[in-house]
Amino acid sequence: MKRSLGNAGELFPQSVFIIASYDEDGVPNAMNAAWAGECSRHEVCFNIGDHKTTANIVRKGAFTVAPADAANVVTADYFGIATGNKVNKAEKSGLTFIRSEHVDAPVIEEYPLTMECEVTAIDGDEHGARVVGRIVNVLVDEDILDADGKVDFSAWRPLVYDASHMTYRVVGEEVGGAWNVGKPLV
């Protein structure tokens, strides 16, 4: 038997994206955004409200996305709790922010995967927007790559946000081969 839970769409775990940007003075900032994801193989999309990051992205037209992992859960959560309008989150986090070689945005060295993105569409303004960015380059630590040079989710252990329980979970367990496990039904 099924039960109605209303119209809340927060039942599925969401990627935990750490979105980094520079302000008008070149100061790096990072925020935790759960309403985000890849919208194609070469694009990311996210919805953000009235944040320092929103204004930075509108101004600079660039950002980086580092999906958070289990090793960085404390700083990932911090980036969602603190506001860049009141504190220098990059400095307070103790992490290493370096300039991207491809876009006008910072890369956080301690996060093992970073997508460097150029803004291709903004629906909204510095007070809240849906942002689409083209992935210009992806940086990956070699220790999360498998023997074939592909990202190994078991080694990486990326986080997802479980909004129903307000907790972070880890991705990693393989349960079946895509485009393969369903073949018996074809």
Protein backbone atom coordinates (compact mmCIF):
# COMPACT_ATOMS: atom_id res chain seq x y z
CA MET A 1 0.00 0.00 0.00
CA LYS A 2 1.26 3.49 -0.85
CA ARG A 3 0.84 6.60 1.27
CA SER A 4 0.73 10.19 0.03
CA LEU A 5 3.44 12.48 1.40
CA GLY A 6 2.30 15.65 -0.35
CA ASN A 7 4.31 17.64 -2.85
CA ALA A 8 7.77 17.76 -1.21
CA GLY A 9 10.36 16.73 -3.78
CA GLU A 10 13.19 16.20 -1.32
CA LEU A 11 12.94 12.44 -1.11
CA PHE A 12 15.86 11.59 -3.38
CA PRO A 13 19.46 12.23 -2.27
CA GLN A 14 21.04 15.18 -4.07
CA SER A 15 24.64 15.83 -5.08
CA VAL A 16 26.55 18.02 -2.67
CA PHE A 17 28.17 20.63 -4.91
CA ILE A 18 30.73 23.03 -3.51
CA ILE A 19 30.52 26.01 -5.85
CA ALA A 20 33.53 28.31 -5.74
CA SER A 21 33.85 31.80 -7.18
CA TYR A 22 35.76 35.06 -6.84
CA ASP A 23 34.29 38.35 -5.71
CA GLU A 24 35.05 41.72 -7.31
CA ASP A 25 38.30 41.96 -5.28
CA GLY A 26 39.50 38.47 -6.21
CA VAL A 27 38.66 36.96 -2.80
CA PRO A 28 37.62 33.31 -3.14
CA ASN A 29 34.33 32.06 -1.74
CA ALA A 30 32.64 28.67 -1.64
CA MET A 31 29.10 27.55 -0.91
CA ASN A 32 27.34 24.21 -0.52
CA ALA A 33 24.49 23.81 -3.03
CA ALA A 34 22.32 20.70 -3.01
CA TRP A 35 19.90 21.84 -5.73
CA ALA A 36 22.43 21.08 -8.43
CA GLY A 37 23.53 18.48 -10.92
CA GLU A 38 24.86 17.68 -14.35
CA CYS A 39 22.16 18.59 -16.88
CA SER A 40 24.12 17.08 -19.78
CA ARG A 41 27.51 15.43 -20.22
CA HIS A 42 29.10 18.87 -20.65
CA GLU A 43 26.95 21.14 -18.44
CA VAL A 44 26.01 21.69 -14.82
CA CYS A 45 22.93 23.48 -13.56
CA PHE A 46 21.96 24.73 -10.13
CA ASN A 47 19.46 26.95 -8.36
CA ILE A 48 20.78 29.35 -5.73
CA GLY A 49 19.22 32.14 -3.73
CA ASP A 50 20.54 35.47 -2.55
CA HIS A 51 24.16 34.56 -1.73
CA LYS A 52 27.60 36.10 -2.19
CA THR A 53 28.27 33.26 -4.65
CA THR A 54 25.26 34.28 -6.75
CA ALA A 55 26.54 37.86 -7.08
CA ASN A 56 30.07 36.58 -7.81
CA ILE A 57 28.87 34.29 -10.61
CA VAL A 58 26.68 36.97 -12.17
CA ARG A 59 29.64 39.38 -12.09
CA LYS A 60 32.41 36.98 -13.22
CA GLY A 61 30.53 34.59 -15.52
CA ALA A 62 32.51 31.64 -14.16
CA PHE A 63 32.63 29.19 -11.26
CA THR A 64 34.02 25.83 -10.26
CA VAL A 65 32.10 22.86 -8.88
CA ALA A 66 33.75 20.36 -6.55
CA PRO A 67 31.38 17.57 -5.59
CA ALA A 68 32.02 17.00 -1.89
CA ASP A 69 33.41 13.70 -0.67
CA ALA A 70 33.47 11.88 2.68
CA ALA A 71 36.98 13.11 3.47
CA ASN A 72 35.76 16.73 3.23
CA VAL A 73 32.34 16.45 4.91
CA VAL A 74 33.23 18.96 7.67
CA THR A 75 34.27 21.76 5.30
CA ALA A 76 31.44 20.92 2.90
CA ASP A 77 28.91 21.40 5.69
CA TYR A 78 30.70 24.56 6.85
CA PHE A 79 30.37 26.03 3.35
CA GLY A 80 26.60 25.55 3.72
CA ILE A 81 26.33 26.94 7.24
CA ALA A 82 28.47 30.09 7.06
CA THR A 83 27.71 33.08 4.85
CA GLY A 84 30.33 34.66 2.64
CA ASN A 85 28.68 38.02 3.27
CA LYS A 86 29.92 37.92 6.89
CA VAL A 87 33.09 35.80 6.90
CA ASN A 88 35.94 34.86 4.55
CA LYS A 89 34.96 31.19 4.24
CA ALA A 90 38.05 30.30 2.19
CA GLU A 91 40.36 31.59 4.90
CA LYS A 92 38.33 30.17 7.80
CA SER A 93 38.11 26.70 6.19
CA GLY A 94 41.89 26.31 6.13
CA LEU A 95 41.69 24.84 2.62
CA THR A 96 43.90 25.76 -0.33
CA PHE A 97 42.19 27.88 -3.00
CA ILE A 98 44.18 28.26 -6.24
CA ARG A 99 43.34 30.06 -9.46
CA SER A 100 41.86 27.91 -12.23
CA GLU A 101 43.87 27.84 -15.44
CA HIS A 102 40.68 27.79 -17.52
CA VAL A 103 38.07 30.07 -15.90
CA ASP A 104 38.01 33.08 -13.57
CA ALA A 105 37.23 31.03 -10.45
CA PRO A 106 39.13 29.16 -7.72
CA VAL A 107 39.91 25.46 -7.42
CA ILE A 108 39.94 23.92 -3.94
CA GLU A 109 43.01 21.68 -3.86
CA GLU A 110 41.74 19.34 -1.14
CA TYR A 111 38.65 18.30 -3.10
CA PRO A 112 39.57 15.44 -5.45
CA LEU A 113 37.41 16.43 -8.45
CA THR A 114 36.67 19.90 -9.78
CA MET A 115 34.67 20.99 -12.83
CA GLU A 116 35.78 24.37 -14.17
CA CYS A 117 32.77 26.10 -15.73
CA GLU A 118 31.79 29.13 -17.82
CA VAL A 119 28.29 30.52 -17.39
CA THR A 120 26.12 29.92 -20.46
CA ALA A 121 22.73 30.93 -19.02
CA ILE A 122 21.38 32.74 -15.99
CA ASP A 123 17.67 32.94 -15.25
CA GLY A 124 17.50 35.53 -12.48
CA ASP A 125 20.02 37.93 -10.99
CA GLU A 126 22.46 38.37 -8.10
CA HIS A 127 19.60 37.85 -5.63
CA GLY A 128 18.68 34.39 -6.89
CA ALA A 129 19.12 32.47 -10.11
CA ARG A 130 19.13 29.24 -12.02
CA VAL A 131 22.64 28.99 -13.46
CA VAL A 132 23.83 26.78 -16.31
CA GLY A 133 27.53 26.40 -16.90
CA ARG A 134 29.54 24.70 -19.64
CA ILE A 135 32.23 22.41 -18.25
CA VAL A 136 35.49 23.72 -19.71
CA ASN A 137 37.79 21.29 -17.91
CA VAL A 138 37.69 18.65 -15.18
CA LEU A 139 40.57 18.25 -12.73
CA VAL A 140 40.85 14.89 -10.94
CA ASP A 141 43.26 13.58 -8.34
CA GLU A 142 44.91 10.45 -9.74
CA ASP A 143 44.21 8.48 -6.56
CA ILE A 144 40.46 8.37 -7.37
CA LEU A 145 41.01 7.01 -10.90
CA ASP A 146 40.79 3.33 -11.73
CA ALA A 147 43.21 1.38 -13.95
CA ASP A 148 41.33 2.60 -17.05
CA GLY A 149 41.65 6.26 -16.03
CA LYS A 150 37.96 6.60 -15.08
CA VAL A 151 36.66 8.01 -11.80
CA ASP A 152 36.32 5.24 -9.21
CA PHE A 153 33.36 6.18 -7.00
CA SER A 154 34.40 3.65 -4.36
CA ALA A 155 37.78 5.36 -3.98
CA TRP A 156 36.31 8.87 -4.23
CA ARG A 157 33.27 8.36 -1.93
CA PRO A 158 31.25 11.41 -3.06
CA LEU A 159 28.51 12.73 -0.78
CA VAL A 160 24.82 13.04 -1.44
CA TYR A 161 22.42 15.06 0.69
CA ASP A 162 19.44 13.19 2.10
CA ALA A 163 16.95 16.03 2.65
CA SER A 164 14.39 13.75 4.28
CA HIS A 165 16.77 13.02 7.15
CA MET A 166 19.01 16.13 6.88
CA THR A 167 22.16 14.02 6.60
CA TYR A 168 24.98 13.29 4.21
CA ARG A 169 25.43 9.84 2.70
CA VAL A 170 28.19 8.29 0.61
CA VAL A 171 27.90 6.98 -2.96
CA GLY A 172 29.90 3.97 -3.95
CA GLU A 173 28.17 0.59 -4.02
CA GLU A 174 27.66 -0.88 -7.48
CA VAL A 175 24.35 -2.75 -7.91
CA GLY A 176 24.26 -3.51 -11.64
CA GLY A 177 25.76 -2.64 -15.00
CA ALA A 178 24.00 0.16 -16.90
CA TRP A 179 22.66 -0.85 -20.31
CA ASN A 180 23.21 -4.46 -19.27
CA VAL A 181 21.33 -5.61 -16.14
CA GLY A 182 17.94 -5.05 -17.85
CA LYS A 183 18.75 -7.09 -21.00
CA PRO A 184 16.87 -10.19 -19.81
CA LEU A 185 13.64 -8.16 -20.13
CA VAL A 186 14.33 -7.09 -23.74
